[in-house]
Each structure stands twice: as structure tokens, then as C-alpha cells.
Amino acid sequence: MNFSTEKLREVLIVTAHIEKLDTQFAPELKGVFTFENKCGNNTIILDLSKTKYCDSSGLSAILVANRLCKDTNGTFILVGMQPNVQKMIEIAQLDRVLNHFATLSEALSDFE
């Protein structure tokens, strides 16, 4: 299983179990986000703590999630970004657009 989901109160946590979020896995992740959003989940946390690399297709999947959540008055949050992933987010200047926390517990405390 490349991605798993867990519902905690009103928050859906999507955990990536892959080292590379690239063209091989980005379409699957987009599918997860689209399906979950259609099921009414509009507050999503993506845990990337196991992901060491992200390319432009991975960034595209992340932006799809952000748009889906915003379009349904929800929130999208990234957590656990490894240094290389963080660098890609910063290079693309998405750190200014996306909500992000270092850890899952920090992000969840925002909803308490």
C-alpha cells in the first residue's frame, strides 16, 4: 500500500509510504485526494515523513489537494517534510501558499 488514510475527528490523515513522490506515484495520490474530497473530507493532512524526494508531478498532486480542500472550505496541511522535499517546496515558493508543520502532532494541535 503506497498511501494510507486515517480519520481523526474531522481531519483525514493521508500517509505516504513511499520514498519518492514522482510520476510513478503522483497519479495515485491525486486519486486518493479526489476520492476522499468527494466523500466529504475537506480537511486533509499529508504526512510525508517517509518521503525523501518529490518532483514536479508530486508537487502537482500536492497542489491538487490544496485546491480541492480550499474549494470545499477546508484546509490542506503538509507535515514531516524531509530536507529534499522541503527544498523543492521552497524552490517552487509553495511554502508561502501551503500550510505546513514539522510534525503531525503539531498540525493536529491546530484543530483542538
Protein backbone atom coordinates (compact mmCIF):
# COMPACT_ATOMS: atom_id res chain seq x y z
CA MET A 1 0.00 0.00 0.00
CA ASN A 2 1.57 3.29 -1.13
CA PHE A 3 -0.81 5.60 0.75
CA SER A 4 -2.97 5.02 3.80
CA THR A 5 -5.74 7.11 5.30
CA GLU A 6 -6.92 7.58 8.86
CA LYS A 7 -9.75 9.76 10.10
CA LEU A 8 -9.17 11.62 13.37
CA ARG A 9 -12.16 13.72 14.32
CA GLU A 10 -12.81 15.98 11.31
CA VAL A 11 -9.28 15.54 9.93
CA LEU A 12 -8.23 12.98 7.32
CA ILE A 13 -4.57 11.99 7.57
CA VAL A 14 -3.02 10.65 4.38
CA THR A 15 0.32 8.96 4.98
CA ALA A 16 2.74 8.36 2.12
CA HIS A 17 4.60 5.05 2.40
CA ILE A 18 6.96 5.81 -0.47
CA GLU A 19 10.47 7.24 -0.72
CA LYS A 20 9.83 9.10 -3.97
CA LEU A 21 6.73 11.12 -4.82
CA ASP A 22 7.24 11.19 -8.57
CA THR A 23 5.48 10.36 -11.84
CA GLN A 24 5.06 6.76 -10.72
CA PHE A 25 3.04 7.61 -7.58
CA ALA A 26 1.64 11.13 -8.08
CA PRO A 27 -1.41 9.99 -10.11
CA GLU A 28 -2.35 7.52 -7.36
CA LEU A 29 -2.04 10.26 -4.72
CA LYS A 30 -4.20 12.62 -6.80
CA GLY A 31 -6.78 9.84 -6.99
CA VAL A 32 -6.75 9.44 -3.21
CA PHE A 33 -7.28 13.17 -2.73
CA THR A 34 -10.06 13.35 -5.32
CA PHE A 35 -11.89 10.32 -3.90
CA GLU A 36 -11.62 11.50 -0.29
CA ASN A 37 -12.75 15.00 -1.19
CA LYS A 38 -15.82 13.62 -2.98
CA CYS A 39 -16.55 11.60 0.18
CA GLY A 40 -16.75 14.87 2.10
CA ASN A 41 -13.23 15.01 3.54
CA ASN A 42 -12.09 18.60 3.07
CA THR A 43 -9.57 18.87 5.91
CA ILE A 44 -6.56 16.79 4.94
CA ILE A 45 -3.09 16.37 6.38
CA LEU A 46 -0.47 14.78 4.12
CA ASP A 47 2.30 13.09 6.11
CA LEU A 48 5.47 12.96 4.02
CA SER A 49 7.82 11.83 6.78
CA LYS A 50 8.81 8.68 4.81
CA THR A 51 9.25 10.54 1.52
CA LYS A 52 12.76 11.68 0.66
CA TYR A 53 12.20 13.01 -2.87
CA CYS A 54 9.47 14.91 -4.69
CA ASP A 55 9.44 16.00 -8.33
CA SER A 56 7.11 18.35 -10.22
CA SER A 57 4.42 15.69 -10.60
CA GLY A 58 4.47 15.22 -6.84
CA LEU A 59 4.14 18.97 -6.36
CA SER A 60 1.20 18.89 -8.76
CA ALA A 61 -0.54 16.24 -6.63
CA ILE A 62 0.02 18.38 -3.54
CA LEU A 63 -1.44 21.42 -5.28
CA VAL A 64 -4.48 19.39 -6.38
CA ALA A 65 -5.13 18.50 -2.74
CA ASN A 66 -4.73 22.11 -1.66
CA ARG A 67 -7.20 23.29 -4.33
CA LEU A 68 -9.76 20.57 -3.56
CA CYS A 69 -9.70 21.42 0.13
CA LYS A 70 -9.92 25.17 -0.43
CA ASP A 71 -12.73 24.80 -2.96
CA THR A 72 -14.79 22.99 -0.31
CA ASN A 73 -13.94 25.41 2.53
CA GLY A 74 -11.43 23.02 4.06
CA THR A 75 -7.76 23.01 4.92
CA PHE A 76 -4.76 21.17 3.50
CA ILE A 77 -1.61 20.73 5.57
CA LEU A 78 1.78 19.15 4.85
CA VAL A 79 3.74 17.55 7.69
CA GLY A 80 7.01 15.69 8.10
CA MET A 81 8.80 17.09 5.09
CA GLN A 82 12.32 15.72 4.70
CA PRO A 83 15.07 18.23 3.74
CA ASN A 84 15.00 17.48 -0.01
CA VAL A 85 11.21 17.71 -0.16
CA GLN A 86 11.27 20.92 1.89
CA LYS A 87 13.82 22.34 -0.54
CA MET A 88 11.61 21.56 -3.56
CA ILE A 89 8.63 23.21 -1.85
CA GLU A 90 10.75 26.30 -1.13
CA ILE A 91 12.24 26.47 -4.64
CA ALA A 92 8.71 26.40 -6.07
CA GLN A 93 7.78 29.03 -3.44
CA LEU A 94 4.93 26.82 -2.30
CA ASP A 95 5.94 27.27 1.34
CA ARG A 96 4.17 30.64 1.05
CA VAL A 97 0.98 29.04 -0.26
CA LEU A 98 0.76 25.76 1.64
CA ASN A 99 0.12 25.22 5.33
CA HIS A 100 2.91 23.11 6.82
CA PHE A 101 4.10 21.85 10.18
CA ALA A 102 7.17 19.88 11.21
CA THR A 103 5.18 17.09 12.86
CA LEU A 104 1.74 15.52 12.73
CA SER A 105 1.12 16.29 16.40
CA GLU A 106 1.80 20.00 15.79
CA ALA A 107 -0.68 20.04 12.92
CA LEU A 108 -3.33 18.17 14.91
CA SER A 109 -2.98 20.56 17.85
CA ASP A 110 -4.18 23.26 15.47
CA PHE A 111 -7.59 21.52 15.47
CA GLU A 112 -8.02 21.08 19.24
